[in-house]
Structures are given as structure tokens and as C-alpha cells.
N, C-alpha and C. Protein backbone atom coordinates (compact mmCIF):
# COMPACT_ATOMS: atom_id res chain seq x y z
N UNK A 1 118.74 -173.89 133.04
CA UNK A 1 119.56 -172.73 133.45
C UNK A 1 119.31 -172.57 134.90
N UNK A 2 120.33 -172.20 135.67
CA UNK A 2 120.17 -172.08 137.11
C UNK A 2 119.90 -170.64 137.40
N UNK A 3 119.43 -170.44 138.67
CA UNK A 3 119.08 -169.09 139.10
C UNK A 3 120.33 -168.27 139.29
N UNK A 4 120.27 -166.98 139.15
CA UNK A 4 121.49 -166.11 139.40
C UNK A 4 121.90 -166.08 140.78
N UNK A 5 123.22 -166.09 140.98
CA UNK A 5 123.72 -166.02 142.31
C UNK A 5 123.37 -164.78 143.02
N UNK A 6 122.60 -164.69 144.13
CA UNK A 6 122.25 -163.43 144.70
C UNK A 6 123.50 -162.66 145.33
N UNK A 7 124.66 -163.29 145.39
CA UNK A 7 125.82 -162.57 146.08
C UNK A 7 126.81 -162.18 144.87
N UNK A 8 126.46 -162.42 143.62
CA UNK A 8 127.27 -162.02 142.57
C UNK A 8 127.31 -160.49 142.52
N UNK A 9 128.45 -159.84 142.56
CA UNK A 9 128.41 -158.35 142.54
C UNK A 9 127.87 -157.77 141.16
N UNK A 10 128.06 -158.48 140.12
CA UNK A 10 127.50 -158.04 138.85
C UNK A 10 125.98 -158.09 138.78
N UNK A 11 125.51 -159.20 139.43
CA UNK A 11 124.01 -159.37 139.41
C UNK A 11 123.45 -158.34 140.37
N UNK A 12 124.02 -158.10 141.49
CA UNK A 12 123.52 -156.95 142.46
C UNK A 12 123.59 -155.64 141.70
N UNK A 13 124.67 -155.36 141.03
CA UNK A 13 124.71 -154.06 140.36
C UNK A 13 123.64 -153.98 139.29
N UNK A 14 123.43 -154.99 138.52
CA UNK A 14 122.32 -154.90 137.54
C UNK A 14 120.97 -154.80 138.19
N UNK A 15 120.75 -155.37 139.28
CA UNK A 15 119.52 -155.20 139.98
C UNK A 15 119.27 -153.75 140.46
N UNK A 16 120.41 -153.24 140.98
CA UNK A 16 120.32 -151.74 141.32
C UNK A 16 120.02 -150.90 140.25
N UNK A 17 120.75 -151.11 139.07
CA UNK A 17 120.44 -150.32 137.96
C UNK A 17 119.03 -150.48 137.35
N UNK A 18 118.44 -151.66 137.43
CA UNK A 18 117.05 -151.85 136.97
C UNK A 18 116.13 -150.96 137.89
N UNK A 19 116.36 -151.00 139.24
CA UNK A 19 115.59 -150.26 140.12
C UNK A 19 115.77 -148.77 139.82
N UNK A 20 116.97 -148.34 139.60
CA UNK A 20 117.16 -146.96 139.30
C UNK A 20 116.42 -146.49 137.99
N UNK A 21 116.45 -147.41 137.03
CA UNK A 21 115.76 -147.18 135.70
C UNK A 21 114.23 -147.02 135.86
N UNK A 22 113.73 -147.88 136.75
CA UNK A 22 112.25 -147.90 137.00
C UNK A 22 111.84 -146.61 137.72
N UNK A 23 112.73 -146.13 138.61
CA UNK A 23 112.44 -144.88 139.28
C UNK A 23 112.56 -143.66 138.30
N UNK A 24 113.48 -143.67 137.43
CA UNK A 24 113.59 -142.57 136.45
C UNK A 24 112.27 -142.63 135.58
N UNK A 25 111.83 -143.82 135.10
CA UNK A 25 110.59 -143.87 134.38
C UNK A 25 109.45 -143.33 134.99
N UNK A 26 109.32 -143.62 136.29
CA UNK A 26 108.32 -143.10 137.17
C UNK A 26 108.39 -141.59 137.26
N UNK A 27 109.54 -141.08 137.45
CA UNK A 27 109.76 -139.60 137.53
C UNK A 27 109.38 -138.94 136.23
N UNK A 28 109.70 -139.58 135.18
CA UNK A 28 109.35 -139.00 133.74
C UNK A 28 107.85 -139.00 133.62
N UNK A 29 107.17 -140.00 134.07
CA UNK A 29 105.67 -140.01 133.95
C UNK A 29 105.10 -138.96 134.79
N UNK A 30 105.66 -138.72 136.01
CA UNK A 30 105.23 -137.58 136.86
C UNK A 30 105.36 -136.28 136.21
N UNK A 31 106.48 -136.08 135.52
CA UNK A 31 106.76 -134.79 134.86
C UNK A 31 105.84 -134.60 133.58
N UNK A 32 105.58 -135.66 132.93
CA UNK A 32 104.56 -135.64 131.79
C UNK A 32 103.18 -135.15 132.39
N UNK A 33 102.77 -135.64 133.56
CA UNK A 33 101.52 -135.38 134.09
C UNK A 33 101.48 -133.81 134.57
N UNK A 34 102.68 -133.35 135.08
CA UNK A 34 102.76 -131.90 135.42
C UNK A 34 102.65 -131.10 134.27
N UNK A 35 103.34 -131.48 133.05
CA UNK A 35 103.29 -130.73 131.91
C UNK A 35 101.84 -130.55 131.34
N UNK A 36 101.12 -131.63 131.43
CA UNK A 36 99.79 -131.77 130.91
C UNK A 36 98.85 -130.81 131.78
N UNK A 37 99.06 -130.87 133.12
CA UNK A 37 98.35 -129.92 134.04
C UNK A 37 98.61 -128.52 133.72
N UNK A 38 99.89 -128.18 133.40
CA UNK A 38 100.23 -126.76 133.12
C UNK A 38 99.55 -126.35 131.83
N UNK A 39 99.52 -127.18 130.80
CA UNK A 39 98.82 -126.76 129.60
C UNK A 39 97.31 -126.72 129.82
N UNK A 40 96.73 -127.54 130.63
CA UNK A 40 95.30 -127.45 130.91
C UNK A 40 95.01 -126.19 131.72
N UNK A 41 95.90 -125.68 132.56
CA UNK A 41 95.61 -124.55 133.33
C UNK A 41 95.48 -123.39 132.51
N UNK A 42 96.42 -123.19 131.51
CA UNK A 42 96.25 -122.06 130.62
C UNK A 42 95.02 -122.12 129.77
N UNK A 43 94.59 -123.14 129.39
CA UNK A 43 93.30 -123.34 128.64
C UNK A 43 92.12 -123.07 129.47
N UNK A 44 92.14 -123.44 130.72
CA UNK A 44 90.99 -123.24 131.60
C UNK A 44 90.90 -121.78 131.98
N UNK A 45 92.03 -121.06 132.15
CA UNK A 45 92.06 -119.68 132.40
C UNK A 45 91.50 -118.89 131.21
N UNK A 46 91.87 -119.24 130.07
CA UNK A 46 91.35 -118.49 128.85
C UNK A 46 89.91 -118.77 128.69
N UNK A 47 89.44 -120.03 128.95
CA UNK A 47 88.03 -120.29 128.89
C UNK A 47 87.24 -119.52 129.95
N UNK A 48 87.75 -119.47 131.13
CA UNK A 48 87.05 -118.62 132.19
C UNK A 48 86.99 -117.17 131.87
N UNK A 49 88.05 -116.63 131.33
CA UNK A 49 88.06 -115.24 130.88
C UNK A 49 87.05 -114.94 129.80
N UNK A 50 86.96 -115.88 128.78
CA UNK A 50 86.07 -115.70 127.66
C UNK A 50 84.61 -115.83 128.25
N UNK A 51 84.44 -116.71 129.10
CA UNK A 51 83.06 -116.93 129.68
C UNK A 51 82.65 -115.65 130.50
N UNK A 52 83.47 -115.14 131.31
CA UNK A 52 83.20 -113.95 131.99
C UNK A 52 82.92 -112.76 131.16
N UNK A 53 83.71 -112.66 130.13
CA UNK A 53 83.45 -111.56 129.10
C UNK A 53 82.16 -111.63 128.47
N UNK A 54 81.80 -112.93 128.08
CA UNK A 54 80.52 -113.12 127.43
C UNK A 54 79.35 -112.81 128.42
N UNK A 55 79.50 -113.25 129.60
CA UNK A 55 78.48 -112.95 130.61
C UNK A 55 78.28 -111.42 130.84
N UNK A 56 79.40 -110.60 130.89
CA UNK A 56 79.46 -109.26 131.11
C UNK A 56 78.76 -108.55 129.87
N UNK A 57 79.03 -109.09 128.71
CA UNK A 57 78.42 -108.58 127.46
C UNK A 57 76.86 -108.70 127.61
N UNK A 58 76.43 -110.04 127.87
CA UNK A 58 75.03 -110.32 127.94
C UNK A 58 74.33 -109.46 129.01
N UNK A 59 74.94 -109.20 130.13
CA UNK A 59 74.31 -108.38 131.15
C UNK A 59 74.23 -106.89 130.68
N UNK A 60 75.24 -106.46 130.08
CA UNK A 60 75.23 -105.06 129.56
C UNK A 60 74.13 -104.91 128.50
N UNK A 61 74.04 -105.88 127.65
CA UNK A 61 73.02 -105.77 126.50
C UNK A 61 71.59 -105.86 126.86
N UNK A 62 71.35 -106.46 128.03
CA UNK A 62 69.96 -106.72 128.45
C UNK A 62 69.75 -105.89 129.74
N UNK A 63 68.82 -104.89 129.64
CA UNK A 63 68.64 -104.06 130.90
C UNK A 63 68.12 -104.91 132.04
N UNK A 64 67.15 -105.83 131.79
CA UNK A 64 66.64 -106.63 132.85
C UNK A 64 67.71 -107.32 133.56
N UNK A 65 68.64 -107.95 132.82
CA UNK A 65 69.73 -108.67 133.43
C UNK A 65 70.61 -107.72 134.20
N UNK A 66 70.89 -106.52 133.71
CA UNK A 66 71.68 -105.50 134.52
C UNK A 66 71.06 -105.21 135.79
N UNK A 67 69.67 -104.93 135.77
CA UNK A 67 69.00 -104.55 136.96
C UNK A 67 69.12 -105.72 137.96
N UNK A 68 68.86 -106.96 137.49
CA UNK A 68 69.01 -108.08 138.35
C UNK A 68 70.39 -108.16 138.96
N UNK A 69 71.42 -107.93 138.12
CA UNK A 69 72.71 -107.95 138.60
C UNK A 69 73.01 -106.96 139.74
N UNK A 70 72.37 -105.75 139.55
CA UNK A 70 72.62 -104.74 140.53
C UNK A 70 71.91 -105.15 141.90
N UNK A 71 70.74 -105.68 141.69
CA UNK A 71 69.94 -106.20 142.91
C UNK A 71 70.74 -107.29 143.63
N UNK A 72 71.28 -108.21 142.82
CA UNK A 72 72.07 -109.31 143.44
C UNK A 72 73.30 -108.77 144.17
N UNK A 73 73.97 -107.79 143.57
CA UNK A 73 75.16 -107.30 144.20
C UNK A 73 74.81 -106.55 145.48
N UNK A 74 73.66 -105.89 145.53
CA UNK A 74 73.21 -105.29 146.73
C UNK A 74 72.90 -106.33 147.89
N UNK A 75 72.24 -107.32 147.41
CA UNK A 75 71.78 -108.32 148.45
C UNK A 75 72.99 -109.19 148.94
N UNK A 76 73.96 -109.47 148.10
CA UNK A 76 75.14 -110.31 148.48
C UNK A 76 76.26 -109.45 148.92
N UNK A 77 76.18 -108.17 148.91
CA UNK A 77 77.19 -107.29 149.45
C UNK A 77 78.31 -106.86 148.31
N UNK A 78 77.80 -106.70 147.12
CA UNK A 78 78.79 -106.26 146.11
C UNK A 78 79.26 -107.32 145.17
N UNK A 79 80.02 -106.91 144.14
CA UNK A 79 80.53 -107.92 143.22
C UNK A 79 81.72 -108.68 143.74
N UNK A 80 81.89 -109.86 143.43
CA UNK A 80 82.96 -110.71 143.93
C UNK A 80 84.28 -110.33 143.43
């Protein structure tokens, strides 16, 4: 079998279409990555909120931790 003619208009069109298909596959992969990042962001925000709520409960339940928290806030210029 001989090599395809590089000047054949059908072969050129097929090459362009293969390049376009490859670009679309790359774009689809990038969108999948963005979707995964969006899902992870929501989970991380919920995790951070639950962790902050747990820390606040722990500080409120233990007077020694509450006093330390007040001292740290005074030293560092207040709560962040």
C-alpha cells in the first residue's frame, strides 16, 4: 500500500477533522477536570465549616481553652 497523497483534498480534510476531534477531546477533558474541582470545592467548604463549628464547640465547652482563645485574640489583635 502506498502512502497517501499529501495534496489530495480529501486526505487534507480528513487530517483537519482528526486534529479538530483531538482538540475537542482535550477540551472535554479540561471540562471534566473543572467539574471535579467544582465538586471538591463544595466538599472542602462543608468540611471547613464543620471543623470550625467543632473547634468553636470545643473552646466553648472547656473554660481553659476559652481563656487561651481570649489571650491569643488579645496578643494577635482579635479574631481573624
